[in-house]
Amino acid sequence: MKQPKKPTLAQKKMISACKLDPDNWSVMLEDELYLHIINKATGTRKILDRQLKKCINTQRKKP
């Protein structure tokens, strides 16, 4: 797995549109349809739909 990266300005706007704080999230993967992000503190992963600009999936970090 690659190391998470800081979100770009466009990615920050997308994360904010999903009612999340962009300062708390890092980008794992980005493709044409989805943006995969991970929470810096808890390790929770979310998948954001780029077209609908909302969260479609949430995965919790396994203990």
PDB file of N, CA and C in Angstrom:
ATOM      1  N   MET A   1       0.830  -1.161   0.000  1.00  0.00           N
ATOM      2  CA  MET A   1       0.000   0.000   0.000  1.00  0.00           C
ATOM      3  C   MET A   1       0.889   1.244   0.000  1.00  0.00           C
ATOM      4  N   LYS A   2       0.533   2.206  -0.810  1.00  0.00           N
ATOM      5  CA  LYS A   2       1.299   3.440  -0.863  1.00  0.00           C
ATOM      6  C   LYS A   2       1.009   4.306   0.358  1.00  0.00           C
ATOM      7  N   GLN A   3       1.913   5.225   0.603  1.00  0.00           N
ATOM      8  CA  GLN A   3       1.770   6.133   1.730  1.00  0.00           C
ATOM      9  C   GLN A   3       0.751   7.227   1.396  1.00  0.00           C
ATOM     10  N   PRO A   4      -0.111   7.583   2.339  1.00  0.00           N
ATOM     11  CA  PRO A   4      -1.098   8.639   2.091  1.00  0.00           C
ATOM     12  C   PRO A   4      -0.434   9.987   1.816  1.00  0.00           C
ATOM     13  N   LYS A   5      -1.108  10.807   1.005  1.00  0.00           N
ATOM     14  CA  LYS A   5      -0.582  12.122   0.613  1.00  0.00           C
ATOM     15  C   LYS A   5      -1.521  13.226   1.085  1.00  0.00           C
ATOM     16  N   LYS A   6      -0.977  14.439   1.164  1.00  0.00           N
ATOM     17  CA  LYS A   6      -1.795  15.603   1.482  1.00  0.00           C
ATOM     18  C   LYS A   6      -2.753  15.865   0.322  1.00  0.00           C
ATOM     19  N   PRO A   7      -3.995  16.256   0.626  1.00  0.00           N
ATOM     20  CA  PRO A   7      -4.942  16.561  -0.450  1.00  0.00           C
ATOM     21  C   PRO A   7      -4.612  17.882  -1.144  1.00  0.00           C
ATOM     22  N   THR A   8      -4.871  17.922  -2.450  1.00  0.00           N
ATOM     23  CA  THR A   8      -4.715  19.147  -3.219  1.00  0.00           C
ATOM     24  C   THR A   8      -5.900  20.063  -2.929  1.00  0.00           C
ATOM     25  N   LEU A   9      -5.884  21.266  -3.475  1.00  0.00           N
ATOM     26  CA  LEU A   9      -6.967  22.214  -3.237  1.00  0.00           C
ATOM     27  C   LEU A   9      -8.291  21.667  -3.755  1.00  0.00           C
ATOM     28  N   ALA A  10      -8.295  21.070  -4.939  1.00  0.00           N
ATOM     29  CA  ALA A  10      -9.528  20.498  -5.495  1.00  0.00           C
ATOM     30  C   ALA A  10     -10.031  19.347  -4.626  1.00  0.00           C
ATOM     31  N   GLN A  11      -9.117  18.535  -4.116  1.00  0.00           N
ATOM     32  CA  GLN A  11      -9.507  17.424  -3.251  1.00  0.00           C
ATOM     33  C   GLN A  11     -10.034  17.939  -1.920  1.00  0.00           C
ATOM     34  N   LYS A  12      -9.437  19.016  -1.402  1.00  0.00           N
ATOM     35  CA  LYS A  12      -9.915  19.612  -0.153  1.00  0.00           C
ATOM     36  C   LYS A  12     -11.340  20.132  -0.307  1.00  0.00           C
ATOM     37  N   LYS A  13     -11.632  20.717  -1.462  1.00  0.00           N
ATOM     38  CA  LYS A  13     -12.990  21.216  -1.715  1.00  0.00           C
ATOM     39  C   LYS A  13     -13.978  20.062  -1.763  1.00  0.00           C
ATOM     40  N   MET A  14     -13.576  18.944  -2.348  1.00  0.00           N
ATOM     41  CA  MET A  14     -14.441  17.778  -2.417  1.00  0.00           C
ATOM     42  C   MET A  14     -14.677  17.196  -1.023  1.00  0.00           C
ATOM     43  N   ILE A  15     -13.632  17.119  -0.218  1.00  0.00           N
ATOM     44  CA  ILE A  15     -13.759  16.611   1.148  1.00  0.00           C
ATOM     45  C   ILE A  15     -14.662  17.535   1.964  1.00  0.00           C
ATOM     46  N   SER A  16     -14.520  18.840   1.785  1.00  0.00           N
ATOM     47  CA  SER A  16     -15.368  19.806   2.494  1.00  0.00           C
ATOM     48  C   SER A  16     -16.823  19.697   2.053  1.00  0.00           C
ATOM     49  N   ALA A  17     -17.041  19.410   0.768  1.00  0.00           N
ATOM     50  CA  ALA A  17     -18.403  19.248   0.262  1.00  0.00           C
ATOM     51  C   ALA A  17     -19.094  18.042   0.901  1.00  0.00           C
ATOM     52  N   CYS A  18     -18.314  17.098   1.386  1.00  0.00           N
ATOM     53  CA  CYS A  18     -18.850  15.915   2.075  1.00  0.00           C
ATOM     54  C   CYS A  18     -18.975  16.147   3.573  1.00  0.00           C
ATOM     55  N   LYS A  19     -18.854  17.398   4.000  1.00  0.00           N
ATOM     56  CA  LYS A  19     -18.984  17.801   5.410  1.00  0.00           C
ATOM     57  C   LYS A  19     -17.926  17.164   6.295  1.00  0.00           C
ATOM     58  N   LEU A  20     -16.702  17.078   5.774  1.00  0.00           N
ATOM     59  CA  LEU A  20     -15.556  16.576   6.531  1.00  0.00           C
ATOM     60  C   LEU A  20     -14.503  17.675   6.595  1.00  0.00           C
ATOM     61  N   ASP A  21     -13.643  17.629   7.597  1.00  0.00           N
ATOM     62  CA  ASP A  21     -12.561  18.599   7.740  1.00  0.00           C
ATOM     63  C   ASP A  21     -11.345  18.100   6.961  1.00  0.00           C
ATOM     64  N   PRO A  22     -10.926  18.790   5.901  1.00  0.00           N
ATOM     65  CA  PRO A  22      -9.808  18.313   5.080  1.00  0.00           C
ATOM     66  C   PRO A  22      -8.486  18.208   5.832  1.00  0.00           C
ATOM     67  N   ASP A  23      -8.337  18.932   6.947  1.00  0.00           N
ATOM     68  CA  ASP A  23      -7.098  18.869   7.710  1.00  0.00           C
ATOM     69  C   ASP A  23      -6.924  17.528   8.427  1.00  0.00           C
ATOM     70  N   ASN A  24      -8.020  16.798   8.607  1.00  0.00           N
ATOM     71  CA  ASN A  24      -7.975  15.526   9.313  1.00  0.00           C
ATOM     72  C   ASN A  24      -7.842  14.320   8.385  1.00  0.00           C
ATOM     73  N   TRP A  25      -7.806  14.545   7.074  1.00  0.00           N
ATOM     74  CA  TRP A  25      -7.842  13.441   6.118  1.00  0.00           C
ATOM     75  C   TRP A  25      -6.657  13.486   5.165  1.00  0.00           C
ATOM     76  N   SER A  26      -6.186  12.291   4.756  1.00  0.00           N
ATOM     77  CA  SER A  26      -5.128  12.144   3.750  1.00  0.00           C
ATOM     78  C   SER A  26      -5.687  11.324   2.597  1.00  0.00           C
ATOM     79  N   VAL A  27      -5.131  11.526   1.407  1.00  0.00           N
ATOM     80  CA  VAL A  27      -5.611  10.827   0.215  1.00  0.00           C
ATOM     81  C   VAL A  27      -4.811   9.545   0.016  1.00  0.00           C
ATOM     82  N   MET A  28      -5.535   8.424  -0.066  1.00  0.00           N
ATOM     83  CA  MET A  28      -4.904   7.130  -0.317  1.00  0.00           C
ATOM     84  C   MET A  28      -4.816   6.850  -1.820  1.00  0.00           C
ATOM     85  N   LEU A  29      -5.925   7.083  -2.530  1.00  0.00           N
ATOM     86  CA  LEU A  29      -6.019   6.730  -3.940  1.00  0.00           C
ATOM     87  C   LEU A  29      -7.050   7.624  -4.591  1.00  0.00           C
ATOM     88  N   GLU A  30      -6.804   7.984  -5.830  1.00  0.00           N
ATOM     89  CA  GLU A  30      -7.757   8.788  -6.583  1.00  0.00           C
ATOM     90  C   GLU A  30      -7.847   8.226  -7.990  1.00  0.00           C
ATOM     91  N   ASP A  31      -9.065   8.027  -8.472  1.00  0.00           N
ATOM     92  CA  ASP A  31      -9.273   7.630  -9.862  1.00  0.00           C
ATOM     93  C   ASP A  31     -10.382   8.504 -10.454  1.00  0.00           C
ATOM     94  N   GLU A  32     -10.896   8.131 -11.618  1.00  0.00           N
ATOM     95  CA  GLU A  32     -11.874   8.978 -12.307  1.00  0.00           C
ATOM     96  C   GLU A  32     -13.187   9.102 -11.541  1.00  0.00           C
ATOM     97  N   LEU A  33     -13.560   8.057 -10.816  1.00  0.00           N
ATOM     98  CA  LEU A  33     -14.866   8.031 -10.169  1.00  0.00           C
ATOM     99  C   LEU A  33     -14.832   8.283  -8.673  1.00  0.00           C
ATOM    100  N   TYR A  34     -13.763   7.864  -8.001  1.00  0.00           N
ATOM    101  CA  TYR A  34     -13.751   7.877  -6.547  1.00  0.00           C
ATOM    102  C   TYR A  34     -12.481   8.501  -5.974  1.00  0.00           C
ATOM    103  N   LEU A  35     -12.608   8.972  -4.732  1.00  0.00           N
ATOM    104  CA  LEU A  35     -11.483   9.484  -3.961  1.00  0.00           C
ATOM    105  C   LEU A  35     -11.453   8.701  -2.657  1.00  0.00           C
ATOM    106  N   HIS A  36     -10.382   7.964  -2.426  1.00  0.00           N
ATOM    107  CA  HIS A  36     -10.226   7.155  -1.220  1.00  0.00           C
ATOM    108  C   HIS A  36      -9.402   7.952  -0.223  1.00  0.00           C
ATOM    109  N   ILE A  37      -9.985   8.200   0.962  1.00  0.00           N
ATOM    110  CA  ILE A  37      -9.297   8.988   1.977  1.00  0.00           C
ATOM    111  C   ILE A  37      -9.212   8.194   3.278  1.00  0.00           C
ATOM    112  N   ILE A  38      -8.246   8.584   4.120  1.00  0.00           N
ATOM    113  CA  ILE A  38      -8.044   7.927   5.405  1.00  0.00           C
ATOM    114  C   ILE A  38      -7.862   9.002   6.472  1.00  0.00           C
ATOM    115  N   ASN A  39      -8.474   8.774   7.641  1.00  0.00           N
ATOM    116  CA  ASN A  39      -8.373   9.715   8.745  1.00  0.00           C
ATOM    117  C   ASN A  39      -6.991   9.586   9.381  1.00  0.00           C
ATOM    118  N   LYS A  40      -6.351  10.713   9.634  1.00  0.00           N
ATOM    119  CA  LYS A  40      -4.993  10.712  10.180  1.00  0.00           C
ATOM    120  C   LYS A  40      -4.952  10.179  11.610  1.00  0.00           C
ATOM    121  N   ALA A  41      -5.969  10.443  12.399  1.00  0.00           N
ATOM    122  CA  ALA A  41      -5.952  10.069  13.805  1.00  0.00           C
ATOM    123  C   ALA A  41      -6.476   8.658  14.061  1.00  0.00           C
ATOM    124  N   THR A  42      -7.602   8.309  13.445  1.00  0.00           N
ATOM    125  CA  THR A  42      -8.260   7.044  13.763  1.00  0.00           C
ATOM    126  C   THR A  42      -7.981   5.927  12.768  1.00  0.00           C
ATOM    127  N   GLY A  43      -7.582   6.270  11.550  1.00  0.00           N
ATOM    128  CA  GLY A  43      -7.334   5.252  10.536  1.00  0.00           C
ATOM    129  C   GLY A  43      -8.581   4.826   9.782  1.00  0.00           C
ATOM    130  N   THR A  44      -9.711   5.499  10.035  1.00  0.00           N
ATOM    131  CA  THR A  44     -10.950   5.194   9.336  1.00  0.00           C
ATOM    132  C   THR A  44     -10.809   5.593   7.869  1.00  0.00           C
ATOM    133  N   ARG A  45     -11.283   4.710   6.984  1.00  0.00           N
ATOM    134  CA  ARG A  45     -11.214   4.985   5.548  1.00  0.00           C
ATOM    135  C   ARG A  45     -12.598   5.303   5.020  1.00  0.00           C
ATOM    136  N   LYS A  46     -12.650   6.227   4.070  1.00  0.00           N
ATOM    137  CA  LYS A  46     -13.903   6.581   3.399  1.00  0.00           C
ATOM    138  C   LYS A  46     -13.649   6.639   1.904  1.00  0.00           C
ATOM    139  N   ILE A  47     -14.699   6.340   1.153  1.00  0.00           N
ATOM    140  CA  ILE A  47     -14.652   6.447  -0.304  1.00  0.00           C
ATOM    141  C   ILE A  47     -15.662   7.513  -0.692  1.00  0.00           C
ATOM    142  N   LEU A  48     -15.195   8.544  -1.391  1.00  0.00           N
ATOM    143  CA  LEU A  48     -16.052   9.637  -1.818  1.00  0.00           C
ATOM    144  C   LEU A  48     -16.326   9.512  -3.304  1.00  0.00           C
ATOM    145  N   ASP A  49     -17.590   9.691  -3.685  1.00  0.00           N
ATOM    146  CA  ASP A  49     -17.974   9.675  -5.088  1.00  0.00           C
ATOM    147  C   ASP A  49     -17.709  11.064  -5.661  1.00  0.00           C
ATOM    148  N   ARG A  50     -16.938  11.142  -6.711  1.00  0.00           N
ATOM    149  CA  ARG A  50     -16.561  12.434  -7.281  1.00  0.00           C
ATOM    150  C   ARG A  50     -17.725  13.111  -7.978  1.00  0.00           C
ATOM    151  N   GLN A  51     -18.653  12.351  -8.553  1.00  0.00           N
ATOM    152  CA  GLN A  51     -19.795  12.932  -9.265  1.00  0.00           C
ATOM    153  C   GLN A  51     -20.847  13.450  -8.285  1.00  0.00           C
ATOM    154  N   LEU A  52     -21.196  12.626  -7.288  1.00  0.00           N
ATOM    155  CA  LEU A  52     -22.246  12.989  -6.343  1.00  0.00           C
ATOM    156  C   LEU A  52     -21.735  13.844  -5.196  1.00  0.00           C
ATOM    157  N   LYS A  53     -20.419  13.840  -4.982  1.00  0.00           N
ATOM    158  CA  LYS A  53     -19.769  14.579  -3.894  1.00  0.00           C
ATOM    159  C   LYS A  53     -20.347  14.187  -2.536  1.00  0.00           C
ATOM    160  N   LYS A  54     -20.389  12.863  -2.296  1.00  0.00           N
ATOM    161  CA  LYS A  54     -20.805  12.379  -0.993  1.00  0.00           C
ATOM    162  C   LYS A  54     -20.110  11.063  -0.691  1.00  0.00           C
ATOM    163  N   CYS A  55     -20.086  10.704   0.570  1.00  0.00           N
ATOM    164  CA  CYS A  55     -19.436   9.482   1.029  1.00  0.00           C
ATOM    165  C   CYS A  55     -20.316   8.288   0.664  1.00  0.00           C
ATOM    166  N   ILE A  56     -19.713   7.271   0.042  1.00  0.00           N
ATOM    167  CA  ILE A  56     -20.491   6.102  -0.338  1.00  0.00           C
ATOM    168  C   ILE A  56     -20.107   4.870   0.462  1.00  0.00           C
ATOM    169  N   ASN A  57     -18.940   4.894   1.148  1.00  0.00           N
ATOM    170  CA  ASN A  57     -18.502   3.722   1.881  1.00  0.00           C
ATOM    171  C   ASN A  57     -17.575   4.148   3.014  1.00  0.00           C
ATOM    172  N   THR A  58     -17.701   3.474   4.146  1.00  0.00           N
ATOM    173  CA  THR A  58     -16.845   3.733   5.289  1.00  0.00           C
ATOM    174  C   THR A  58     -16.290   2.406   5.800  1.00  0.00           C
ATOM    175  N   GLN A  59     -14.987   2.357   6.020  1.00  0.00           N
ATOM    176  CA  GLN A  59     -14.345   1.159   6.562  1.00  0.00           C
ATOM    177  C   GLN A  59     -13.586   1.553   7.815  1.00  0.00           C
ATOM    178  N   ARG A  60     -13.801   0.820   8.883  1.00  0.00           N
ATOM    179  CA  ARG A  60     -13.098   1.086  10.127  1.00  0.00           C
ATOM    180  C   ARG A  60     -11.796   0.302  10.163  1.00  0.00           C
ATOM    181  N   LYS A  61     -10.829   0.858  10.872  1.00  0.00           N
ATOM    182  CA  LYS A  61      -9.546   0.195  11.047  1.00  0.00           C
ATOM    183  C   LYS A  61      -9.719  -1.017  11.945  1.00  0.00           C
ATOM    184  N   LYS A  62      -9.177  -2.151  11.530  1.00  0.00           N
ATOM    185  CA  LYS A  62      -9.275  -3.363  12.327  1.00  0.00           C
ATOM    186  C   LYS A  62      -8.313  -3.292  13.504  1.00  0.00           C
ATOM    187  N   PRO A  63      -8.735  -3.776  14.690  1.00  0.00           N
ATOM    188  CA  PRO A  63      -7.877  -3.681  15.886  1.00  0.00           C
ATOM    189  C   PRO A  63      -6.650  -4.554  15.814  1.00  0.00           C
TER     190      PRO A  63
END
